[in-house]
Amino acid sequence: MATRPAIRTRPGTTTAPTSLPRTIARFVLGAFLLFAGTAHLTVARSEFAAQVPSWLPLDTEVVVIASGVVELLLGAALVALGRYRVVVGWVVAAFFVAIFPGNIAQYVEGVSAFGLDTDAARLTRLFFQPALVLWALWSTGAWRDRAVLSRTGRSRIGLSRTGRNRPRP
């Protein structure tokens, strides 16, 4: 498989261009997060509150509002910050991992929300969260271009790929 030429966008952020399907998928995921974030703050607040685990030692309303704001920010970043798509992709994937315990709690506690009113429906929902993680990583090229982040981190602390110190330019 031939490699595509890299594009230098900023120091330390050299990445290969993304394909049209990846870009469209990134915009769709961004739109999905913008919609979900808006719903958190408006029409579906009680539905999202039902997904907050009972064992979480935070006020449910605060969790719903905070997660809604985070979803709005992440959705906007996916749409508007293409230059930083690799970092944004990892942050979005981490967010989906971070909220997964809420989906597990909804299943374990048998809480009905968003039409998930049976154990089978709630169990099926659990399999969509890993798909969202993969969607975030694929659509942003985050997994493919992960070396950009590790290269950037090593160069900031003056280490070579082998971990030995190298002179700074």
Foldseek 3Di string as FASTA:
>chain_A
DDDADWDDDDVLQTDHDDDPVLLVLLLVQLVVLLVQLVCLVPVAVVLQLLLDAPPPPDDSNVVSNVSSVVSNVLSCCSNPVLSCLLVSLVVQLVSLVVSLVSLVRCLVVQGDHPNQNDNVSSVVVSVVSVVSNVSSCRSSVNVVPVVSVVVSVCLVVQADPVRDHDDRD
